[in-house]
Amino acid sequence: MRPLCTTCYGFKTIKLKLKFMKKILLSATLLIAVCISAQAQFSLGIKGGVNFSKINTDNLSSSSRTGYQAGIFARFGNDLYLQPELYLSGTGGDFHSSDNSVSGNAHFTNLNVPVLIGHSFGGKNLNFRIMAGPVYTSILSKNLSQSLNDAYADFGHYKNSTLGFQAGAGVDIGAITADLRYEGGLTKINSDFGQRQNLWALSVGFKLL
Protein backbone atom coordinates (compact mmCIF):
# COMPACT_ATOMS: atom_id res chain seq x y z
CA MET A 1 0.00 0.00 0.00
CA ARG A 2 1.43 3.39 -1.11
CA PRO A 3 1.93 5.99 1.62
CA LEU A 4 -0.36 9.00 1.56
CA CYS A 5 1.27 12.09 0.06
CA THR A 6 0.51 14.89 2.49
CA THR A 7 1.73 17.53 0.03
CA CYS A 8 -0.67 16.30 -2.69
CA TYR A 9 -3.47 16.18 -0.16
CA GLY A 10 -2.72 19.78 0.81
CA PHE A 11 -2.82 20.93 -2.82
CA LYS A 12 -6.16 19.21 -3.38
CA THR A 13 -7.61 20.84 -0.27
CA ILE A 14 -6.47 24.28 -1.47
CA LYS A 15 -8.00 23.70 -4.93
CA LEU A 16 -11.31 22.65 -3.39
CA LYS A 17 -11.32 25.77 -1.21
CA LEU A 18 -10.57 27.98 -4.21
CA LYS A 19 -13.40 26.43 -6.23
CA PHE A 20 -15.76 26.94 -3.31
CA MET A 21 -14.71 30.58 -2.95
CA LYS A 22 -15.20 31.16 -6.71
CA LYS A 23 -18.73 29.78 -6.47
CA ILE A 24 -19.47 32.03 -3.49
CA LEU A 25 -18.10 35.11 -5.32
CA LEU A 26 -20.04 34.27 -8.50
CA SER A 27 -23.26 33.76 -6.55
CA ALA A 28 -22.73 37.03 -4.69
CA THR A 29 -22.07 38.87 -7.97
CA LEU A 30 -25.22 37.46 -9.57
CA LEU A 31 -27.24 38.35 -6.48
CA ILE A 32 -25.98 41.94 -6.53
CA ALA A 33 -26.74 42.22 -10.27
CA VAL A 34 -30.29 40.92 -9.73
CA CYS A 35 -30.85 43.40 -6.89
CA ILE A 36 -29.63 46.31 -9.02
CA SER A 37 -31.78 45.20 -11.96
CA ALA A 38 -34.82 44.85 -9.72
CA GLN A 39 -34.47 48.43 -8.50
CA ALA A 40 -33.61 49.94 -11.89
CA GLN A 41 -36.30 50.76 -14.42
CA PHE A 42 -35.99 49.03 -17.79
CA SER A 43 -37.58 50.01 -21.08
CA LEU A 44 -37.36 48.48 -24.54
CA GLY A 45 -38.83 50.10 -27.61
CA ILE A 46 -38.79 50.85 -31.31
CA LYS A 47 -38.00 54.20 -32.95
CA GLY A 48 -37.97 55.90 -36.32
CA GLY A 49 -37.51 59.35 -37.76
CA VAL A 50 -35.79 61.68 -40.18
CA ASN A 51 -32.33 63.21 -40.28
CA PHE A 52 -30.77 66.12 -42.11
CA SER A 53 -27.13 65.25 -42.78
CA LYS A 54 -24.28 67.26 -44.26
CA ILE A 55 -20.68 66.47 -45.16
CA ASN A 56 -18.37 69.42 -44.59
CA THR A 57 -15.57 69.32 -47.14
CA ASP A 58 -12.66 71.42 -48.40
CA ASN A 59 -12.77 73.11 -51.83
CA LEU A 60 -16.47 72.41 -52.36
CA SER A 61 -19.69 73.84 -50.96
CA SER A 62 -22.06 71.36 -49.36
CA SER A 63 -25.73 71.25 -48.49
CA SER A 64 -27.80 68.97 -46.29
CA ARG A 65 -29.55 65.81 -47.42
CA THR A 66 -32.75 64.36 -45.94
CA GLY A 67 -32.50 60.77 -44.72
CA TYR A 68 -34.13 58.30 -42.36
CA GLN A 69 -33.48 56.18 -39.28
CA ALA A 70 -35.30 53.14 -37.87
CA GLY A 71 -34.40 50.66 -35.15
CA ILE A 72 -34.65 49.72 -31.47
CA PHE A 73 -33.55 51.18 -28.15
CA ALA A 74 -33.22 50.07 -24.53
CA ARG A 75 -33.19 52.25 -21.43
CA PHE A 76 -31.77 51.30 -18.03
CA GLY A 77 -32.31 53.49 -14.99
CA ASN A 78 -34.61 56.11 -13.58
CA ASP A 79 -33.54 59.75 -13.21
CA LEU A 80 -30.04 58.85 -14.44
CA TYR A 81 -30.23 56.35 -17.27
CA LEU A 82 -28.17 54.47 -19.87
CA GLN A 83 -29.64 54.14 -23.36
CA PRO A 84 -27.98 51.92 -26.00
CA GLU A 85 -29.55 51.84 -29.47
CA LEU A 86 -29.26 49.97 -32.74
CA TYR A 87 -30.74 51.38 -35.94
CA LEU A 88 -30.34 51.71 -39.70
CA SER A 89 -29.98 55.15 -41.23
CA GLY A 90 -29.60 56.85 -44.57
CA THR A 91 -27.22 59.84 -44.65
CA GLY A 92 -25.05 61.77 -47.08
CA GLY A 93 -24.58 65.17 -48.61
CA ASP A 94 -24.78 67.24 -51.78
CA PHE A 95 -21.72 69.04 -53.18
CA HIS A 96 -21.00 71.71 -55.78
CA SER A 97 -18.12 73.97 -56.77
CA SER A 98 -18.32 77.74 -56.38
CA ASP A 99 -19.03 78.19 -60.10
CA ASN A 100 -21.40 75.16 -60.19
CA SER A 101 -19.25 73.52 -62.87
CA VAL A 102 -18.98 70.39 -60.71
CA SER A 103 -21.80 68.97 -58.61
CA GLY A 104 -22.82 65.65 -57.17
CA ASN A 105 -23.93 63.79 -54.09
CA ALA A 106 -22.97 60.95 -51.78
CA HIS A 107 -25.40 58.59 -50.08
CA PHE A 108 -24.70 56.03 -47.33
CA THR A 109 -26.70 53.27 -45.69
CA ASN A 110 -25.44 52.86 -42.12
CA LEU A 111 -25.75 50.73 -39.02
CA ASN A 112 -25.56 53.04 -36.00
CA VAL A 113 -24.81 52.07 -32.40
CA PRO A 114 -25.05 55.02 -29.98
CA VAL A 115 -24.57 54.55 -26.22
CA LEU A 116 -26.05 57.54 -24.39
CA ILE A 117 -26.08 58.67 -20.78
CA GLY A 118 -29.08 60.82 -19.89
CA HIS A 119 -30.95 62.55 -17.11
CA SER A 120 -34.73 62.75 -16.92
CA PHE A 121 -36.91 64.97 -14.78
CA GLY A 122 -40.66 65.23 -14.40
CA GLY A 123 -43.56 62.94 -13.62
CA LYS A 124 -44.20 59.31 -14.51
CA ASN A 125 -46.38 60.00 -17.56
CA LEU A 126 -44.64 63.23 -18.62
CA ASN A 127 -40.92 63.78 -18.28
CA PHE A 128 -38.19 65.63 -20.11
CA ARG A 129 -34.71 64.32 -20.85
CA ILE A 130 -31.22 65.43 -21.85
CA MET A 131 -28.63 62.97 -23.13
CA ALA A 132 -25.17 62.66 -24.70
CA GLY A 133 -22.71 59.94 -25.64
CA PRO A 134 -20.61 58.30 -28.36
CA VAL A 135 -21.95 56.69 -31.52
CA TYR A 136 -20.27 54.07 -33.71
CA THR A 137 -21.34 54.03 -37.36
CA SER A 138 -20.67 51.16 -39.75
CA ILE A 139 -21.22 52.11 -43.39
CA LEU A 140 -23.02 49.23 -45.09
CA SER A 141 -23.21 50.73 -48.59
CA LYS A 142 -21.91 53.83 -50.41
CA ASN A 143 -23.13 55.60 -53.52
CA LEU A 144 -21.24 58.53 -55.05
CA SER A 145 -22.40 60.34 -58.18
CA GLN A 146 -20.23 59.75 -61.25
CA SER A 147 -19.64 63.45 -61.96
CA LEU A 148 -17.70 63.83 -58.72
CA ASN A 149 -15.65 60.73 -59.43
CA ASP A 150 -14.65 62.17 -62.78
CA ALA A 151 -13.63 65.54 -61.31
CA TYR A 152 -11.99 64.29 -58.09
CA ALA A 153 -10.50 60.82 -58.41
CA ASP A 154 -9.87 60.49 -54.67
CA PHE A 155 -13.13 62.10 -53.47
CA GLY A 156 -14.96 58.82 -52.86
CA HIS A 157 -12.37 57.10 -50.65
CA TYR A 158 -14.85 56.81 -47.78
CA LYS A 159 -14.12 54.80 -44.65
CA ASN A 160 -16.11 51.74 -43.68
CA SER A 161 -16.80 53.05 -40.16
CA THR A 162 -16.62 56.26 -38.15
CA LEU A 163 -16.86 57.40 -34.54
CA GLY A 164 -18.91 60.39 -33.48
CA PHE A 165 -20.97 61.85 -30.65
CA GLN A 166 -24.64 62.64 -30.09
CA ALA A 167 -26.23 65.20 -27.80
CA GLY A 168 -29.81 66.31 -27.50
CA ALA A 169 -33.06 66.50 -25.60
CA GLY A 170 -36.27 64.52 -25.50
CA VAL A 171 -39.69 64.11 -23.95
CA ASP A 172 -41.71 61.07 -22.82
CA ILE A 173 -45.51 61.15 -22.84
CA GLY A 174 -46.66 57.83 -21.48
CA ALA A 175 -45.23 55.12 -23.75
CA ILE A 176 -44.41 57.61 -26.53
CA THR A 177 -40.90 59.07 -26.64
CA ALA A 178 -39.45 61.76 -28.92
CA ASP A 179 -35.87 63.00 -29.35
CA LEU A 180 -34.07 65.82 -31.12
CA ARG A 181 -30.31 65.26 -31.43
CA TYR A 182 -27.21 66.67 -33.02
CA GLU A 183 -24.54 64.24 -34.23
CA GLY A 184 -20.98 65.33 -34.96
CA GLY A 185 -18.10 63.36 -36.43
CA LEU A 186 -15.10 62.71 -34.20
CA THR A 187 -13.32 61.01 -37.09
CA LYS A 188 -13.33 62.08 -40.73
CA ILE A 189 -15.42 59.99 -43.07
CA ASN A 190 -12.76 60.67 -45.70
CA SER A 191 -9.33 62.20 -45.03
CA ASP A 192 -9.19 63.51 -48.62
CA PHE A 193 -10.68 67.02 -48.76
CA GLY A 194 -11.22 66.92 -44.98
CA GLN A 195 -14.68 65.37 -45.22
CA ARG A 196 -16.53 65.13 -41.91
CA GLN A 197 -20.22 64.24 -41.53
CA ASN A 198 -22.69 65.81 -39.09
CA LEU A 199 -26.47 65.80 -38.84
CA TRP A 200 -29.63 66.73 -36.98
CA ALA A 201 -32.10 63.94 -36.23
CA LEU A 202 -35.72 63.96 -35.08
CA SER A 203 -37.17 60.64 -33.99
CA VAL A 204 -40.32 59.25 -32.37
CA GLY A 205 -40.43 55.96 -30.51
CA PHE A 206 -42.78 53.68 -28.63
CA LYS A 207 -41.90 51.77 -25.45
CA LEU A 208 -42.87 48.12 -25.75
CA LEU A 209 -41.83 47.36 -22.15
C-alpha atoms as a PDB file:
ATOM      1  CA  MET A   1       0.000   0.000   0.000  1.00  0.00           C
ATOM      2  CA  ARG A   2       1.431   3.386  -1.108  1.00  0.00           C
ATOM      3  CA  PRO A   3       1.927   5.988   1.623  1.00  0.00           C
ATOM      4  CA  LEU A   4      -0.357   9.002   1.559  1.00  0.00           C
ATOM      5  CA  CYS A   5       1.268  12.086   0.060  1.00  0.00           C
ATOM      6  CA  THR A   6       0.512  14.885   2.490  1.00  0.00           C
ATOM      7  CA  THR A   7       1.729  17.530   0.027  1.00  0.00           C
ATOM      8  CA  CYS A   8      -0.666  16.302  -2.686  1.00  0.00           C
ATOM      9  CA  TYR A   9      -3.469  16.183  -0.161  1.00  0.00           C
ATOM     10  CA  GLY A  10      -2.716  19.777   0.808  1.00  0.00           C
ATOM     11  CA  PHE A  11      -2.825  20.928  -2.815  1.00  0.00           C
ATOM     12  CA  LYS A  12      -6.161  19.205  -3.380  1.00  0.00           C
ATOM     13  CA  THR A  13      -7.608  20.836  -0.273  1.00  0.00           C
ATOM     14  CA  ILE A  14      -6.468  24.284  -1.466  1.00  0.00           C
ATOM     15  CA  LYS A  15      -8.000  23.705  -4.931  1.00  0.00           C
ATOM     16  CA  LEU A  16     -11.307  22.653  -3.388  1.00  0.00           C
ATOM     17  CA  LYS A  17     -11.325  25.765  -1.205  1.00  0.00           C
ATOM     18  CA  LEU A  18     -10.572  27.982  -4.212  1.00  0.00           C
ATOM     19  CA  LYS A  19     -13.397  26.426  -6.231  1.00  0.00           C
ATOM     20  CA  PHE A  20     -15.765  26.945  -3.307  1.00  0.00           C
ATOM     21  CA  MET A  21     -14.706  30.582  -2.950  1.00  0.00           C
ATOM     22  CA  LYS A  22     -15.196  31.161  -6.705  1.00  0.00           C
ATOM     23  CA  LYS A  23     -18.733  29.783  -6.466  1.00  0.00           C
ATOM     24  CA  ILE A  24     -19.469  32.033  -3.493  1.00  0.00           C
ATOM     25  CA  LEU A  25     -18.103  35.109  -5.317  1.00  0.00           C
ATOM     26  CA  LEU A  26     -20.039  34.266  -8.499  1.00  0.00           C
ATOM     27  CA  SER A  27     -23.256  33.755  -6.549  1.00  0.00           C
ATOM     28  CA  ALA A  28     -22.731  37.034  -4.693  1.00  0.00           C
ATOM     29  CA  THR A  29     -22.072  38.874  -7.974  1.00  0.00           C
ATOM     30  CA  LEU A  30     -25.223  37.459  -9.565  1.00  0.00           C
ATOM     31  CA  LEU A  31     -27.244  38.347  -6.476  1.00  0.00           C
ATOM     32  CA  ILE A  32     -25.979  41.943  -6.530  1.00  0.00           C
ATOM     33  CA  ALA A  33     -26.737  42.220 -10.270  1.00  0.00           C
ATOM     34  CA  VAL A  34     -30.286  40.917  -9.732  1.00  0.00           C
ATOM     35  CA  CYS A  35     -30.849  43.395  -6.889  1.00  0.00           C
ATOM     36  CA  ILE A  36     -29.629  46.309  -9.018  1.00  0.00           C
ATOM     37  CA  SER A  37     -31.778  45.200 -11.958  1.00  0.00           C
ATOM     38  CA  ALA A  38     -34.822  44.854  -9.722  1.00  0.00           C
ATOM     39  CA  GLN A  39     -34.467  48.433  -8.496  1.00  0.00           C
ATOM     40  CA  ALA A  40     -33.607  49.941 -11.889  1.00  0.00           C
ATOM     41  CA  GLN A  41     -36.303  50.758 -14.417  1.00  0.00           C
ATOM     42  CA  PHE A  42     -35.985  49.026 -17.788  1.00  0.00           C
ATOM     43  CA  SER A  43     -37.582  50.006 -21.079  1.00  0.00           C
ATOM     44  CA  LEU A  44     -37.364  48.484 -24.538  1.00  0.00           C
ATOM     45  CA  GLY A  45     -38.825  50.097 -27.613  1.00  0.00           C
ATOM     46  CA  ILE A  46     -38.786  50.853 -31.313  1.00  0.00           C
ATOM     47  CA  LYS A  47     -38.005  54.202 -32.947  1.00  0.00           C
ATOM     48  CA  GLY A  48     -37.968  55.903 -36.317  1.00  0.00           C
ATOM     49  CA  GLY A  49     -37.514  59.345 -37.763  1.00  0.00           C
ATOM     50  CA  VAL A  50     -35.790  61.681 -40.182  1.00  0.00           C
ATOM     51  CA  ASN A  51     -32.334  63.211 -40.277  1.00  0.00           C
ATOM     52  CA  PHE A  52     -30.769  66.117 -42.109  1.00  0.00           C
ATOM     53  CA  SER A  53     -27.135  65.252 -42.782  1.00  0.00           C
ATOM     54  CA  LYS A  54     -24.284  67.261 -44.256  1.00  0.00           C
ATOM     55  CA  ILE A  55     -20.677  66.468 -45.162  1.00  0.00           C
ATOM     56  CA  ASN A  56     -18.375  69.418 -44.588  1.00  0.00           C
ATOM     57  CA  THR A  57     -15.567  69.324 -47.139  1.00  0.00           C
ATOM     58  CA  ASP A  58     -12.659  71.418 -48.396  1.00  0.00           C
ATOM     59  CA  ASN A  59     -12.774  73.114 -51.832  1.00  0.00           C
ATOM     60  CA  LEU A  60     -16.474  72.407 -52.356  1.00  0.00           C
ATOM     61  CA  SER A  61     -19.687  73.844 -50.963  1.00  0.00           C
ATOM     62  CA  SER A  62     -22.059  71.357 -49.364  1.00  0.00           C
ATOM     63  CA  SER A  63     -25.729  71.255 -48.488  1.00  0.00           C
ATOM     64  CA  SER A  64     -27.802  68.972 -46.289  1.00  0.00           C
ATOM     65  CA  ARG A  65     -29.548  65.811 -47.425  1.00  0.00           C
ATOM     66  CA  THR A  66     -32.753  64.359 -45.938  1.00  0.00           C
ATOM     67  CA  GLY A  67     -32.498  60.771 -44.717  1.00  0.00           C
ATOM     68  CA  TYR A  68     -34.127  58.298 -42.357  1.00  0.00           C
ATOM     69  CA  GLN A  69     -33.478  56.175 -39.282  1.00  0.00           C
ATOM     70  CA  ALA A  70     -35.303  53.144 -37.867  1.00  0.00           C
ATOM     71  CA  GLY A  71     -34.404  50.657 -35.151  1.00  0.00           C
ATOM     72  CA  ILE A  72     -34.648  49.723 -31.474  1.00  0.00           C
ATOM     73  CA  PHE A  73     -33.549  51.185 -28.150  1.00  0.00           C
ATOM     74  CA  ALA A  74     -33.221  50.070 -24.527  1.00  0.00           C
ATOM     75  CA  ARG A  75     -33.190  52.249 -21.429  1.00  0.00           C
ATOM     76  CA  PHE A  76     -31.772  51.295 -18.029  1.00  0.00           C
ATOM     77  CA  GLY A  77     -32.305  53.488 -14.990  1.00  0.00           C
ATOM     78  CA  ASN A  78     -34.611  56.109 -13.577  1.00  0.00           C
ATOM     79  CA  ASP A  79     -33.536  59.747 -13.214  1.00  0.00           C
ATOM     80  CA  LEU A  80     -30.041  58.855 -14.438  1.00  0.00           C
ATOM     81  CA  TYR A  81     -30.225  56.348 -17.266  1.00  0.00           C
ATOM     82  CA  LEU A  82     -28.171  54.474 -19.870  1.00  0.00           C
ATOM     83  CA  GLN A  83     -29.638  54.144 -23.365  1.00  0.00           C
ATOM     84  CA  PRO A  84     -27.981  51.920 -26.003  1.00  0.00           C
ATOM     85  CA  GLU A  85     -29.554  51.844 -29.473  1.00  0.00           C
ATOM     86  CA  LEU A  86     -29.258  49.968 -32.744  1.00  0.00           C
ATOM     87  CA  TYR A  87     -30.737  51.382 -35.944  1.00  0.00           C
ATOM     88  CA  LEU A  88     -30.337  51.715 -39.698  1.00  0.00           C
ATOM     89  CA  SER A  89     -29.985  55.153 -41.227  1.00  0.00           C
ATOM     90  CA  GLY A  90     -29.598  56.853 -44.575  1.00  0.00           C
ATOM     91  CA  THR A  91     -27.217  59.841 -44.647  1.00  0.00           C
ATOM     92  CA  GLY A  92     -25.046  61.768 -47.083  1.00  0.00           C
ATOM     93  CA  GLY A  93     -24.580  65.170 -48.611  1.00  0.00           C
ATOM     94  CA  ASP A  94     -24.782  67.242 -51.779  1.00  0.00           C
ATOM     95  CA  PHE A  95     -21.721  69.040 -53.180  1.00  0.00           C
ATOM     96  CA  HIS A  96     -21.000  71.708 -55.777  1.00  0.00           C
ATOM     97  CA  SER A  97     -18.124  73.965 -56.766  1.00  0.00           C
ATOM     98  CA  SER A  98     -18.324  77.737 -56.379  1.00  0.00           C
ATOM     99  CA  ASP A  99     -19.027  78.186 -60.103  1.00  0.00           C
ATOM    100  CA  ASN A 100     -21.398  75.158 -60.189  1.00  0.00           C
ATOM    101  CA  SER A 101     -19.246  73.522 -62.874  1.00  0.00           C
ATOM    102  CA  VAL A 102     -18.983  70.393 -60.711  1.00  0.00           C
ATOM    103  CA  SER A 103     -21.801  68.971 -58.610  1.00  0.00           C
ATOM    104  CA  GLY A 104     -22.822  65.650 -57.170  1.00  0.00           C
ATOM    105  CA  ASN A 105     -23.934  63.792 -54.089  1.00  0.00           C
ATOM    106  CA  ALA A 106     -22.966  60.955 -51.775  1.00  0.00           C
ATOM    107  CA  HIS A 107     -25.397  58.591 -50.084  1.00  0.00           C
ATOM    108  CA  PHE A 108     -24.705  56.034 -47.332  1.00  0.00           C
ATOM    109  CA  THR A 109     -26.701  53.274 -45.686  1.00  0.00           C
ATOM    110  CA  ASN A 110     -25.436  52.862 -42.120  1.00  0.00           C
ATOM    111  CA  LEU A 111     -25.746  50.728 -39.017  1.00  0.00           C
ATOM    112  CA  ASN A 112     -25.561  53.044 -36.002  1.00  0.00           C
ATOM    113  CA  VAL A 113     -24.812  52.069 -32.397  1.00  0.00           C
ATOM    114  CA  PRO A 114     -25.048  55.022 -29.976  1.00  0.00           C
ATOM    115  CA  VAL A 115     -24.574  54.555 -26.215  1.00  0.00           C
ATOM    116  CA  LEU A 116     -26.054  57.537 -24.387  1.00  0.00           C
ATOM    117  CA  ILE A 117     -26.083  58.673 -20.777  1.00  0.00           C
ATOM    118  CA  GLY A 118     -29.082  60.822 -19.893  1.00  0.00           C
ATOM    119  CA  HIS A 119     -30.951  62.551 -17.112  1.00  0.00           C
ATOM    120  CA  SER A 120     -34.728  62.749 -16.921  1.00  0.00           C
ATOM    121  CA  PHE A 121     -36.912  64.967 -14.780  1.00  0.00           C
ATOM    122  CA  GLY A 122     -40.655  65.232 -14.397  1.00  0.00           C
ATOM    123  CA  GLY A 123     -43.559  62.937 -13.620  1.00  0.00           C
ATOM    124  CA  LYS A 124     -44.197  59.313 -14.513  1.00  0.00           C
ATOM    125  CA  ASN A 125     -46.375  60.005 -17.560  1.00  0.00           C
ATOM    126  CA  LEU A 126     -44.645  63.226 -18.616  1.00  0.00           C
ATOM    127  CA  ASN A 127     -40.921  63.783 -18.279  1.00  0.00           C
ATOM    128  CA  PHE A 128     -38.186  65.631 -20.107  1.00  0.00           C
ATOM    129  CA  ARG A 129     -34.707  64.318 -20.847  1.00  0.00           C
ATOM    130  CA  ILE A 130     -31.222  65.428 -21.846  1.00  0.00           C
ATOM    131  CA  MET A 131     -28.630  62.973 -23.135  1.00  0.00           C
ATOM    132  CA  ALA A 132     -25.172  62.662 -24.702  1.00  0.00           C
ATOM    133  CA  GLY A 133     -22.712  59.940 -25.638  1.00  0.00           C
ATOM    134  CA  PRO A 134     -20.612  58.303 -28.358  1.00  0.00           C
ATOM    135  CA  VAL A 135     -21.949  56.690 -31.523  1.00  0.00           C
ATOM    136  CA  TYR A 136     -20.272  54.073 -33.707  1.00  0.00           C
ATOM    137  CA  THR A 137     -21.337  54.033 -37.355  1.00  0.00           C
ATOM    138  CA  SER A 138     -20.671  51.158 -39.745  1.00  0.00           C
ATOM    139  CA  ILE A 139     -21.217  52.112 -43.390  1.00  0.00           C
ATOM    140  CA  LEU A 140     -23.023  49.230 -45.094  1.00  0.00           C
ATOM    141  CA  SER A 141     -23.212  50.727 -48.585  1.00  0.00           C
ATOM    142  CA  LYS A 142     -21.907  53.826 -50.406  1.00  0.00           C
ATOM    143  CA  ASN A 143     -23.129  55.595 -53.521  1.00  0.00           C
ATOM    144  CA  LEU A 144     -21.241  58.530 -55.051  1.00  0.00           C
ATOM    145  CA  SER A 145     -22.404  60.339 -58.176  1.00  0.00           C
ATOM    146  CA  GLN A 146     -20.225  59.753 -61.248  1.00  0.00           C
ATOM    147  CA  SER A 147     -19.644  63.448 -61.961  1.00  0.00           C
ATOM    148  CA  LEU A 148     -17.701  63.830 -58.717  1.00  0.00           C
ATOM    149  CA  ASN A 149     -15.655  60.729 -59.432  1.00  0.00           C
ATOM    150  CA  ASP A 150     -14.649  62.174 -62.779  1.00  0.00           C
ATOM    151  CA  ALA A 151     -13.625  65.543 -61.314  1.00  0.00           C
ATOM    152  CA  TYR A 152     -11.995  64.288 -58.086  1.00  0.00           C
ATOM    153  CA  ALA A 153     -10.496  60.818 -58.413  1.00  0.00           C
ATOM    154  CA  ASP A 154      -9.872  60.486 -54.665  1.00  0.00           C
ATOM    155  CA  PHE A 155     -13.127  62.100 -53.469  1.00  0.00           C
ATOM    156  CA  GLY A 156     -14.957  58.824 -52.860  1.00  0.00           C
ATOM    157  CA  HIS A 157     -12.373  57.101 -50.650  1.00  0.00           C
ATOM    158  CA  TYR A 158     -14.854  56.812 -47.785  1.00  0.00           C
ATOM    159  CA  LYS A 159     -14.119  54.803 -44.649  1.00  0.00           C
ATOM    160  CA  ASN A 160     -16.114  51.739 -43.678  1.00  0.00           C
ATOM    161  CA  SER A 161     -16.801  53.052 -40.160  1.00  0.00           C
ATOM    162  CA  THR A 162     -16.622  56.263 -38.155  1.00  0.00           C
ATOM    163  CA  LEU A 163     -16.856  57.396 -34.539  1.00  0.00           C
ATOM    164  CA  GLY A 164     -18.914  60.386 -33.481  1.00  0.00           C
ATOM    165  CA  PHE A 165     -20.971  61.846 -30.653  1.00  0.00           C
ATOM    166  CA  GLN A 166     -24.635  62.636 -30.092  1.00  0.00           C
ATOM    167  CA  ALA A 167     -26.225  65.205 -27.796  1.00  0.00           C
ATOM    168  CA  GLY A 168     -29.809  66.306 -27.502  1.00  0.00           C
ATOM    169  CA  ALA A 169     -33.056  66.498 -25.599  1.00  0.00           C
ATOM    170  CA  GLY A 170     -36.273  64.515 -25.500  1.00  0.00           C
ATOM    171  CA  VAL A 171     -39.690  64.105 -23.948  1.00  0.00           C
ATOM    172  CA  ASP A 172     -41.708  61.073 -22.823  1.00  0.00           C
ATOM    173  CA  ILE A 173     -45.513  61.146 -22.842  1.00  0.00           C
ATOM    174  CA  GLY A 174     -46.658  57.829 -21.478  1.00  0.00           C
ATOM    175  CA  ALA A 175     -45.233  55.125 -23.751  1.00  0.00           C
ATOM    176  CA  ILE A 176     -44.407  57.615 -26.531  1.00  0.00           C
ATOM    177  CA  THR A 177     -40.903  59.066 -26.637  1.00  0.00           C
ATOM    178  CA  ALA A 178     -39.451  61.760 -28.921  1.00  0.00           C
ATOM    179  CA  ASP A 179     -35.868  62.996 -29.347  1.00  0.00           C
ATOM    180  CA  LEU A 180     -34.070  65.824 -31.122  1.00  0.00           C
ATOM    181  CA  ARG A 181     -30.310  65.256 -31.426  1.00  0.00           C
ATOM    182  CA  TYR A 182     -27.212  66.665 -33.018  1.00  0.00           C
ATOM    183  CA  GLU A 183     -24.539  64.236 -34.229  1.00  0.00           C
ATOM    184  CA  GLY A 184     -20.984  65.326 -34.958  1.00  0.00           C
ATOM    185  CA  GLY A 185     -18.099  63.365 -36.430  1.00  0.00           C
ATOM    186  CA  LEU A 186     -15.096  62.710 -34.196  1.00  0.00           C
ATOM    187  CA  THR A 187     -13.318  61.009 -37.094  1.00  0.00           C
ATOM    188  CA  LYS A 188     -13.332  62.075 -40.729  1.00  0.00           C
ATOM    189  CA  ILE A 189     -15.424  59.986 -43.070  1.00  0.00           C
ATOM    190  CA  ASN A 190     -12.757  60.666 -45.702  1.00  0.00           C
ATOM    191  CA  SER A 191      -9.331  62.197 -45.031  1.00  0.00           C
ATOM    192  CA  ASP A 192      -9.186  63.513 -48.624  1.00  0.00           C
ATOM    193  CA  PHE A 193     -10.683  67.020 -48.765  1.00  0.00           C
ATOM    194  CA  GLY A 194     -11.218  66.917 -44.976  1.00  0.00           C
ATOM    195  CA  GLN A 195     -14.676  65.374 -45.220  1.00  0.00           C
ATOM    196  CA  ARG A 196     -16.530  65.126 -41.908  1.00  0.00           C
ATOM    197  CA  GLN A 197     -20.216  64.238 -41.526  1.00  0.00           C
ATOM    198  CA  ASN A 198     -22.694  65.814 -39.093  1.00  0.00           C
ATOM    199  CA  LEU A 199     -26.474  65.797 -38.841  1.00  0.00           C
ATOM    200  CA  TRP A 200     -29.630  66.734 -36.980  1.00  0.00           C
ATOM    201  CA  ALA A 201     -32.099  63.936 -36.234  1.00  0.00           C
ATOM    202  CA  LEU A 202     -35.720  63.962 -35.082  1.00  0.00           C
ATOM    203  CA  SER A 203     -37.172  60.639 -33.990  1.00  0.00           C
ATOM    204  CA  VAL A 204     -40.320  59.254 -32.375  1.00  0.00           C
ATOM    205  CA  GLY A 205     -40.431  55.960 -30.506  1.00  0.00           C
ATOM    206  CA  PHE A 206     -42.776  53.675 -28.628  1.00  0.00           C
ATOM    207  CA  LYS A 207     -41.902  51.766 -25.453  1.00  0.00           C
ATOM    208  CA  LEU A 208     -42.867  48.119 -25.750  1.00  0.00           C
ATOM    209  CA  LEU A 209     -41.835  47.362 -22.146  1.00  0.00           C
END
